Amino acid sequence: IFNSRIYISGGSVLNFNTQSFTFFNDVWSTNNGANWTRATAAAAWEARDSHTSATALGRLWVMGGFFGNFAQQDVWNSTDGATW
């Protein structure tokens, strides 16, 4: 929770027919769990899943994760979920 909103970011979806993943670097937030607002369709960080998110020092943080078999070894932060 950041600024009274719940944030979600990135992730992946498996296409069962092709056995391939689609990775995302979008960011969404909600203040009630029912109505979601997209902060950005494409954050500055590379699409990924299995990453860690946190809030600290008045910022949202996205750290690590994977794009397929490639480990993302980076740290990004934002004050609004849109600009990273």
PDB file of N, CA and C in Angstrom:
ATOM      1  N   ILE A   1       0.859  -1.181   0.000  1.00  0.00           N
ATOM      2  CA  ILE A   1       0.000   0.000   0.000  1.00  0.00           C
ATOM      3  C   ILE A   1       0.895   1.230   0.000  1.00  0.00           C
ATOM      4  N   PHE A   2       0.581   2.162  -0.890  1.00  0.00           N
ATOM      5  CA  PHE A   2       1.346   3.393  -1.042  1.00  0.00           C
ATOM      6  C   PHE A   2       0.363   4.518  -1.299  1.00  0.00           C
ATOM      7  N   ASN A   3       0.427   5.577  -0.517  1.00  0.00           N
ATOM      8  CA  ASN A   3      -0.503   6.706  -0.643  1.00  0.00           C
ATOM      9  C   ASN A   3      -1.953   6.233  -0.656  1.00  0.00           C
ATOM     10  N   SER A   4      -2.284   5.321   0.245  1.00  0.00           N
ATOM     11  CA  SER A   4      -3.649   4.776   0.421  1.00  0.00           C
ATOM     12  C   SER A   4      -4.156   4.007  -0.789  1.00  0.00           C
ATOM     13  N   ARG A   5      -3.253   3.481  -1.610  1.00  0.00           N
ATOM     14  CA  ARG A   5      -3.629   2.694  -2.768  1.00  0.00           C
ATOM     15  C   ARG A   5      -2.835   1.391  -2.774  1.00  0.00           C
ATOM     16  N   ILE A   6      -3.439   0.336  -3.305  1.00  0.00           N
ATOM     17  CA  ILE A   6      -2.762  -0.930  -3.523  1.00  0.00           C
ATOM     18  C   ILE A   6      -2.217  -0.916  -4.946  1.00  0.00           C
ATOM     19  N   TYR A   7      -0.958  -1.286  -5.118  1.00  0.00           N
ATOM     20  CA  TYR A   7      -0.321  -1.306  -6.433  1.00  0.00           C
ATOM     21  C   TYR A   7       0.036  -2.736  -6.835  1.00  0.00           C
ATOM     22  N   ILE A   8      -0.111  -3.025  -8.121  1.00  0.00           N
ATOM     23  CA  ILE A   8       0.411  -4.259  -8.706  1.00  0.00           C
ATOM     24  C   ILE A   8       1.224  -3.871  -9.936  1.00  0.00           C
ATOM     25  N   SER A   9       2.238  -4.682 -10.233  1.00  0.00           N
ATOM     26  CA  SER A   9       3.107  -4.339 -11.359  1.00  0.00           C
ATOM     27  C   SER A   9       3.615  -5.594 -12.045  1.00  0.00           C
ATOM     28  N   GLY A  10       3.749  -5.492 -13.365  1.00  0.00           N
ATOM     29  CA  GLY A  10       4.353  -6.559 -14.159  1.00  0.00           C
ATOM     30  C   GLY A  10       3.659  -7.892 -14.031  1.00  0.00           C
ATOM     31  N   GLY A  11       4.400  -8.945 -14.334  1.00  0.00           N
ATOM     32  CA  GLY A  11       3.875 -10.300 -14.275  1.00  0.00           C
ATOM     33  C   GLY A  11       3.941 -10.966 -15.633  1.00  0.00           C
ATOM     34  N   SER A  12       3.344 -12.142 -15.717  1.00  0.00           N
ATOM     35  CA  SER A  12       3.343 -12.883 -16.981  1.00  0.00           C
ATOM     36  C   SER A  12       2.095 -13.747 -17.084  1.00  0.00           C
ATOM     37  N   VAL A  13       1.813 -14.153 -18.316  1.00  0.00           N
ATOM     38  CA  VAL A  13       0.684 -15.045 -18.617  1.00  0.00           C
ATOM     39  C   VAL A  13       1.201 -16.135 -19.544  1.00  0.00           C
ATOM     40  N   LEU A  14       0.837 -17.368 -19.252  1.00  0.00           N
ATOM     41  CA  LEU A  14       1.230 -18.494 -20.088  1.00  0.00           C
ATOM     42  C   LEU A  14       0.144 -18.777 -21.114  1.00  0.00           C
ATOM     43  N   ASN A  15       0.527 -18.861 -22.395  1.00  0.00           N
ATOM     44  CA  ASN A  15      -0.379 -19.300 -23.452  1.00  0.00           C
ATOM     45  C   ASN A  15      -0.242 -20.819 -23.531  1.00  0.00           C
ATOM     46  N   PHE A  16      -1.271 -21.535 -23.080  1.00  0.00           N
ATOM     47  CA  PHE A  16      -1.199 -22.995 -23.018  1.00  0.00           C
ATOM     48  C   PHE A  16      -1.073 -23.640 -24.398  1.00  0.00           C
ATOM     49  N   ASN A  17      -1.612 -22.996 -25.434  1.00  0.00           N
ATOM     50  CA  ASN A  17      -1.529 -23.561 -26.784  1.00  0.00           C
ATOM     51  C   ASN A  17      -0.105 -23.545 -27.328  1.00  0.00           C
ATOM     52  N   THR A  18       0.616 -22.461 -27.096  1.00  0.00           N
ATOM     53  CA  THR A  18       1.973 -22.329 -27.638  1.00  0.00           C
ATOM     54  C   THR A  18       3.050 -22.615 -26.590  1.00  0.00           C
ATOM     55  N   GLN A  19       2.625 -22.765 -25.327  1.00  0.00           N
ATOM     56  CA  GLN A  19       3.562 -22.959 -24.217  1.00  0.00           C
ATOM     57  C   GLN A  19       4.588 -21.834 -24.145  1.00  0.00           C
ATOM     58  N   SER A  20       4.143 -20.616 -24.443  1.00  0.00           N
ATOM     59  CA  SER A  20       5.015 -19.449 -24.354  1.00  0.00           C
ATOM     60  C   SER A  20       4.403 -18.427 -23.399  1.00  0.00           C
ATOM     61  N   PHE A  21       5.263 -17.626 -22.799  1.00  0.00           N
ATOM     62  CA  PHE A  21       4.832 -16.610 -21.853  1.00  0.00           C
ATOM     63  C   PHE A  21       4.800 -15.244 -22.518  1.00  0.00           C
ATOM     64  N   THR A  22       3.887 -14.406 -22.068  1.00  0.00           N
ATOM     65  CA  THR A  22       3.878 -12.985 -22.381  1.00  0.00           C
ATOM     66  C   THR A  22       4.185 -12.264 -21.078  1.00  0.00           C
ATOM     67  N   PHE A  23       5.184 -11.393 -21.098  1.00  0.00           N
ATOM     68  CA  PHE A  23       5.605 -10.661 -19.903  1.00  0.00           C
ATOM     69  C   PHE A  23       5.115  -9.225 -19.970  1.00  0.00           C
ATOM     70  N   PHE A  24       4.886  -8.630 -18.797  1.00  0.00           N
ATOM     71  CA  PHE A  24       4.325  -7.288 -18.707  1.00  0.00           C
ATOM     72  C   PHE A  24       5.197  -6.374 -17.850  1.00  0.00           C
ATOM     73  N   ASN A  25       5.109  -5.086 -18.122  1.00  0.00           N
ATOM     74  CA  ASN A  25       5.737  -4.070 -17.275  1.00  0.00           C
ATOM     75  C   ASN A  25       4.759  -2.919 -17.022  1.00  0.00           C
ATOM     76  N   ASP A  26       3.498  -3.291 -16.889  1.00  0.00           N
ATOM     77  CA  ASP A  26       2.469  -2.304 -16.582  1.00  0.00           C
ATOM     78  C   ASP A  26       2.339  -2.141 -15.067  1.00  0.00           C
ATOM     79  N   VAL A  27       1.697  -1.044 -14.643  1.00  0.00           N
ATOM     80  CA  VAL A  27       1.482  -0.756 -13.225  1.00  0.00           C
ATOM     81  C   VAL A  27       0.043  -0.295 -13.049  1.00  0.00           C
ATOM     82  N   TRP A  28      -0.638  -0.895 -12.083  1.00  0.00           N
ATOM     83  CA  TRP A  28      -2.034  -0.577 -11.788  1.00  0.00           C
ATOM     84  C   TRP A  28      -2.176  -0.281 -10.300  1.00  0.00           C
ATOM     85  N   SER A  29      -3.229   0.497  -9.940  1.00  0.00           N
ATOM     86  CA  SER A  29      -3.494   0.751  -8.526  1.00  0.00           C
ATOM     87  C   SER A  29      -5.000   0.867  -8.282  1.00  0.00           C
ATOM     88  N   THR A  30      -5.370   0.668  -7.033  1.00  0.00           N
ATOM     89  CA  THR A  30      -6.766   0.768  -6.619  1.00  0.00           C
ATOM     90  C   THR A  30      -6.836   1.293  -5.192  1.00  0.00           C
ATOM     91  N   ASN A  31      -7.915   1.963  -4.873  1.00  0.00           N
ATOM     92  CA  ASN A  31      -8.130   2.380  -3.490  1.00  0.00           C
ATOM     93  C   ASN A  31      -9.241   1.567  -2.831  1.00  0.00           C
ATOM     94  N   ASN A  32      -9.869   0.647  -3.604  1.00  0.00           N
ATOM     95  CA  ASN A  32     -10.970  -0.135  -3.028  1.00  0.00           C
ATOM     96  C   ASN A  32     -10.945  -1.616  -3.439  1.00  0.00           C
ATOM     97  N   GLY A  33     -10.006  -2.025  -4.272  1.00  0.00           N
ATOM     98  CA  GLY A  33      -9.908  -3.419  -4.708  1.00  0.00           C
ATOM     99  C   GLY A  33     -10.843  -3.788  -5.838  1.00  0.00           C
ATOM    100  N   ALA A  34     -11.761  -2.897  -6.191  1.00  0.00           N
ATOM    101  CA  ALA A  34     -12.728  -3.185  -7.257  1.00  0.00           C
ATOM    102  C   ALA A  34     -12.459  -2.366  -8.516  1.00  0.00           C
ATOM    103  N   ASN A  35     -12.104  -1.121  -8.341  1.00  0.00           N
ATOM    104  CA  ASN A  35     -11.866  -0.215  -9.469  1.00  0.00           C
ATOM    105  C   ASN A  35     -10.378   0.060  -9.589  1.00  0.00           C
ATOM    106  N   TRP A  36      -9.792  -0.371 -10.715  1.00  0.00           N
ATOM    107  CA  TRP A  36      -8.351  -0.263 -10.926  1.00  0.00           C
ATOM    108  C   TRP A  36      -8.036   0.818 -11.955  1.00  0.00           C
ATOM    109  N   THR A  37      -6.946   1.539 -11.725  1.00  0.00           N
ATOM    110  CA  THR A  37      -6.475   2.590 -12.619  1.00  0.00           C
ATOM    111  C   THR A  37      -5.069   2.226 -13.085  1.00  0.00           C
ATOM    112  N   ARG A  38      -4.848   2.291 -14.396  1.00  0.00           N
ATOM    113  CA  ARG A  38      -3.521   1.998 -14.925  1.00  0.00           C
ATOM    114  C   ARG A  38      -2.652   3.243 -14.807  1.00  0.00           C
ATOM    115  N   ALA A  39      -1.544   3.116 -14.070  1.00  0.00           N
ATOM    116  CA  ALA A  39      -0.593   4.223 -13.941  1.00  0.00           C
ATOM    117  C   ALA A  39       0.257   4.330 -15.194  1.00  0.00           C
ATOM    118  N   THR A  40       0.631   3.179 -15.764  1.00  0.00           N
ATOM    119  CA  THR A  40       1.380   3.151 -17.018  1.00  0.00           C
ATOM    120  C   THR A  40       1.219   1.789 -17.675  1.00  0.00           C
ATOM    121  N   ALA A  41       1.167   1.788 -18.992  1.00  0.00           N
ATOM    122  CA  ALA A  41       1.107   0.535 -19.747  1.00  0.00           C
ATOM    123  C   ALA A  41       2.495  -0.045 -19.951  1.00  0.00           C
ATOM    124  N   ALA A  42       3.527   0.799 -19.836  1.00  0.00           N
ATOM    125  CA  ALA A  42       4.904   0.352 -20.071  1.00  0.00           C
ATOM    126  C   ALA A  42       5.861   1.154 -19.198  1.00  0.00           C
ATOM    127  N   ALA A  43       6.151   0.625 -18.009  1.00  0.00           N
ATOM    128  CA  ALA A  43       7.115   1.274 -17.120  1.00  0.00           C
ATOM    129  C   ALA A  43       8.503   1.246 -17.769  1.00  0.00           C
ATOM    130  N   ALA A  44       9.402   2.060 -17.268  1.00  0.00           N
ATOM    131  CA  ALA A  44      10.756   2.139 -17.827  1.00  0.00           C
ATOM    132  C   ALA A  44      11.547   0.853 -17.630  1.00  0.00           C
ATOM    133  N   TRP A  45      11.172   0.046 -16.631  1.00  0.00           N
ATOM    134  CA  TRP A  45      11.884  -1.213 -16.410  1.00  0.00           C
ATOM    135  C   TRP A  45      11.381  -2.285 -17.362  1.00  0.00           C
ATOM    136  N   GLU A  46      12.279  -3.243 -17.657  1.00  0.00           N
ATOM    137  CA  GLU A  46      11.958  -4.319 -18.587  1.00  0.00           C
ATOM    138  C   GLU A  46      10.868  -5.222 -18.007  1.00  0.00           C
ATOM    139  N   ALA A  47       9.984  -5.721 -18.881  1.00  0.00           N
ATOM    140  CA  ALA A  47       8.912  -6.624 -18.452  1.00  0.00           C
ATOM    141  C   ALA A  47       9.500  -7.793 -17.667  1.00  0.00           C
ATOM    142  N   ARG A  48       8.720  -8.290 -16.657  1.00  0.00           N
ATOM    143  CA  ARG A  48       9.247  -9.337 -15.781  1.00  0.00           C
ATOM    144  C   ARG A  48       8.151  -9.958 -14.929  1.00  0.00           C
ATOM    145  N   ASP A  49       8.480 -11.108 -14.363  1.00  0.00           N
ATOM    146  CA  ASP A  49       7.650 -11.710 -13.327  1.00  0.00           C
ATOM    147  C   ASP A  49       8.564 -12.148 -12.187  1.00  0.00           C
ATOM    148  N   SER A  50       7.978 -12.644 -11.127  1.00  0.00           N
ATOM    149  CA  SER A  50       8.712 -13.120  -9.947  1.00  0.00           C
ATOM    150  C   SER A  50       9.584 -12.041  -9.315  1.00  0.00           C
ATOM    151  N   HIS A  51       9.220 -10.789  -9.492  1.00  0.00           N
ATOM    152  CA  HIS A  51       9.970  -9.684  -8.910  1.00  0.00           C
ATOM    153  C   HIS A  51       9.438  -9.362  -7.511  1.00  0.00           C
ATOM    154  N   THR A  52      10.158  -8.499  -6.823  1.00  0.00           N
ATOM    155  CA  THR A  52       9.764  -8.041  -5.503  1.00  0.00           C
ATOM    156  C   THR A  52       9.352  -6.585  -5.593  1.00  0.00           C
ATOM    157  N   SER A  53       8.318  -6.230  -4.858  1.00  0.00           N
ATOM    158  CA  SER A  53       7.872  -4.837  -4.776  1.00  0.00           C
ATOM    159  C   SER A  53       7.849  -4.424  -3.310  1.00  0.00           C
ATOM    160  N   ALA A  54       8.095  -3.147  -3.081  1.00  0.00           N
ATOM    161  CA  ALA A  54       8.094  -2.629  -1.716  1.00  0.00           C
ATOM    162  C   ALA A  54       7.770  -1.146  -1.739  1.00  0.00           C
ATOM    163  N   THR A  55       7.473  -0.614  -0.568  1.00  0.00           N
ATOM    164  CA  THR A  55       7.347   0.825  -0.395  1.00  0.00           C
ATOM    165  C   THR A  55       8.308   1.230   0.716  1.00  0.00           C
ATOM    166  N   ALA A  56       9.064   2.278   0.478  1.00  0.00           N
ATOM    167  CA  ALA A  56       9.995   2.805   1.472  1.00  0.00           C
ATOM    168  C   ALA A  56      10.456   4.182   1.029  1.00  0.00           C
ATOM    169  N   LEU A  57      10.750   5.026   1.995  1.00  0.00           N
ATOM    170  CA  LEU A  57      11.300   6.359   1.718  1.00  0.00           C
ATOM    171  C   LEU A  57      10.410   7.175   0.792  1.00  0.00           C
ATOM    172  N   GLY A  58       9.091   6.987   0.912  1.00  0.00           N
ATOM    173  CA  GLY A  58       8.141   7.743   0.099  1.00  0.00           C
ATOM    174  C   GLY A  58       8.120   7.351  -1.362  1.00  0.00           C
ATOM    175  N   ARG A  59       8.504   6.112  -1.649  1.00  0.00           N
ATOM    176  CA  ARG A  59       8.564   5.638  -3.038  1.00  0.00           C
ATOM    177  C   ARG A  59       8.084   4.201  -3.147  1.00  0.00           C
ATOM    178  N   LEU A  60       7.644   3.848  -4.356  1.00  0.00           N
ATOM    179  CA  LEU A  60       7.401   2.455  -4.735  1.00  0.00           C
ATOM    180  C   LEU A  60       8.710   1.899  -5.282  1.00  0.00           C
ATOM    181  N   TRP A  61       8.983   0.616  -5.028  1.00  0.00           N
ATOM    182  CA  TRP A  61      10.215  -0.010  -5.510  1.00  0.00           C
ATOM    183  C   TRP A  61       9.885  -1.312  -6.222  1.00  0.00           C
ATOM    184  N   VAL A  62      10.571  -1.582  -7.323  1.00  0.00           N
ATOM    185  CA  VAL A  62      10.497  -2.856  -8.055  1.00  0.00           C
ATOM    186  C   VAL A  62      11.927  -3.366  -8.159  1.00  0.00           C
ATOM    187  N   MET A  63      12.124  -4.640  -7.771  1.00  0.00           N
ATOM    188  CA  MET A  63      13.481  -5.190  -7.711  1.00  0.00           C
ATOM    189  C   MET A  63      13.525  -6.597  -8.297  1.00  0.00           C
ATOM    190  N   GLY A  64      14.517  -6.840  -9.128  1.00  0.00           N
ATOM    191  CA  GLY A  64      14.806  -8.181  -9.629  1.00  0.00           C
ATOM    192  C   GLY A  64      13.690  -8.778 -10.458  1.00  0.00           C
ATOM    193  N   GLY A  65      13.601 -10.104 -10.421  1.00  0.00           N
ATOM    194  CA  GLY A  65      12.616 -10.842 -11.180  1.00  0.00           C
ATOM    195  C   GLY A  65      13.244 -11.549 -12.367  1.00  0.00           C
ATOM    196  N   PHE A  66      12.386 -12.034 -13.250  1.00  0.00           N
ATOM    197  CA  PHE A  66      12.848 -12.787 -14.414  1.00  0.00           C
ATOM    198  C   PHE A  66      12.089 -12.378 -15.663  1.00  0.00           C
ATOM    199  N   PHE A  67      12.781 -12.417 -16.805  1.00  0.00           N
ATOM    200  CA  PHE A  67      12.172 -12.330 -18.127  1.00  0.00           C
ATOM    201  C   PHE A  67      12.543 -13.640 -18.799  1.00  0.00           C
ATOM    202  N   GLY A  68      11.633 -14.606 -18.755  1.00  0.00           N
ATOM    203  CA  GLY A  68      11.962 -15.958 -19.207  1.00  0.00           C
ATOM    204  C   GLY A  68      12.999 -16.550 -18.286  1.00  0.00           C
ATOM    205  N   ASN A  69      14.115 -16.988 -18.839  1.00  0.00           N
ATOM    206  CA  ASN A  69      15.205 -17.553 -18.040  1.00  0.00           C
ATOM    207  C   ASN A  69      16.247 -16.512 -17.647  1.00  0.00           C
ATOM    208  N   PHE A  70      15.994 -15.250 -17.959  1.00  0.00           N
ATOM    209  CA  PHE A  70      16.977 -14.203 -17.714  1.00  0.00           C
ATOM    210  C   PHE A  70      16.639 -13.434 -16.432  1.00  0.00           C
ATOM    211  N   ALA A  71      17.552 -13.474 -15.474  1.00  0.00           N
ATOM    212  CA  ALA A  71      17.362 -12.760 -14.219  1.00  0.00           C
ATOM    213  C   ALA A  71      17.515 -11.260 -14.435  1.00  0.00           C
ATOM    214  N   GLN A  72      16.598 -10.508 -13.874  1.00  0.00           N
ATOM    215  CA  GLN A  72      16.689  -9.050 -13.889  1.00  0.00           C
ATOM    216  C   GLN A  72      17.357  -8.635 -12.584  1.00  0.00           C
ATOM    217  N   GLN A  73      18.517  -8.060 -12.665  1.00  0.00           N
ATOM    218  CA  GLN A  73      19.263  -7.678 -11.470  1.00  0.00           C
ATOM    219  C   GLN A  73      19.330  -6.159 -11.381  1.00  0.00           C
ATOM    220  N   ASP A  74      18.145  -5.563 -11.182  1.00  0.00           N
ATOM    221  CA  ASP A  74      18.062  -4.113 -11.142  1.00  0.00           C
ATOM    222  C   ASP A  74      17.066  -3.674 -10.089  1.00  0.00           C
ATOM    223  N   VAL A  75      17.094  -2.384  -9.779  1.00  0.00           N
ATOM    224  CA  VAL A  75      16.188  -1.783  -8.801  1.00  0.00           C
ATOM    225  C   VAL A  75      15.666  -0.483  -9.392  1.00  0.00           C
ATOM    226  N   TRP A  76      14.340  -0.311  -9.352  1.00  0.00           N
ATOM    227  CA  TRP A  76      13.697   0.893  -9.869  1.00  0.00           C
ATOM    228  C   TRP A  76      12.822   1.485  -8.778  1.00  0.00           C
ATOM    229  N   ASN A  77      12.597   2.814  -8.820  1.00  0.00           N
ATOM    230  CA  ASN A  77      11.686   3.431  -7.861  1.00  0.00           C
ATOM    231  C   ASN A  77      10.867   4.517  -8.529  1.00  0.00           C
ATOM    232  N   SER A  78       9.739   4.826  -7.891  1.00  0.00           N
ATOM    233  CA  SER A  78       8.785   5.791  -8.437  1.00  0.00           C
ATOM    234  C   SER A  78       8.024   6.455  -7.299  1.00  0.00           C
ATOM    235  N   THR A  79       7.628   7.681  -7.513  1.00  0.00           N
ATOM    236  CA  THR A  79       6.774   8.370  -6.544  1.00  0.00           C
ATOM    237  C   THR A  79       5.304   8.322  -6.930  1.00  0.00           C
ATOM    238  N   ASP A  80       5.005   7.822  -8.155  1.00  0.00           N
ATOM    239  CA  ASP A  80       3.625   7.821  -8.608  1.00  0.00           C
ATOM    240  C   ASP A  80       3.208   6.547  -9.361  1.00  0.00           C
ATOM    241  N   GLY A  81       4.110   5.613  -9.587  1.00  0.00           N
ATOM    242  CA  GLY A  81       3.793   4.392 -10.323  1.00  0.00           C
ATOM    243  C   GLY A  81       3.842   4.558 -11.834  1.00  0.00           C
ATOM    244  N   ALA A  82       3.965   5.786 -12.312  1.00  0.00           N
ATOM    245  CA  ALA A  82       3.995   6.043 -13.752  1.00  0.00           C
ATOM    246  C   ALA A  82       5.399   6.385 -14.246  1.00  0.00           C
ATOM    247  N   THR A  83       6.102   7.203 -13.508  1.00  0.00           N
ATOM    248  CA  THR A  83       7.451   7.627 -13.877  1.00  0.00           C
ATOM    249  C   THR A  83       8.461   6.882 -13.008  1.00  0.00           C
ATOM    250  N   TRP A  84       9.386   6.161 -13.668  1.00  0.00           N
ATOM    251  CA  TRP A  84      10.362   5.317 -12.953  1.00  0.00           C
ATOM    252  C   TRP A  84      11.768   5.795 -13.249  1.00  0.00           C
TER     253      TRP A  84
END
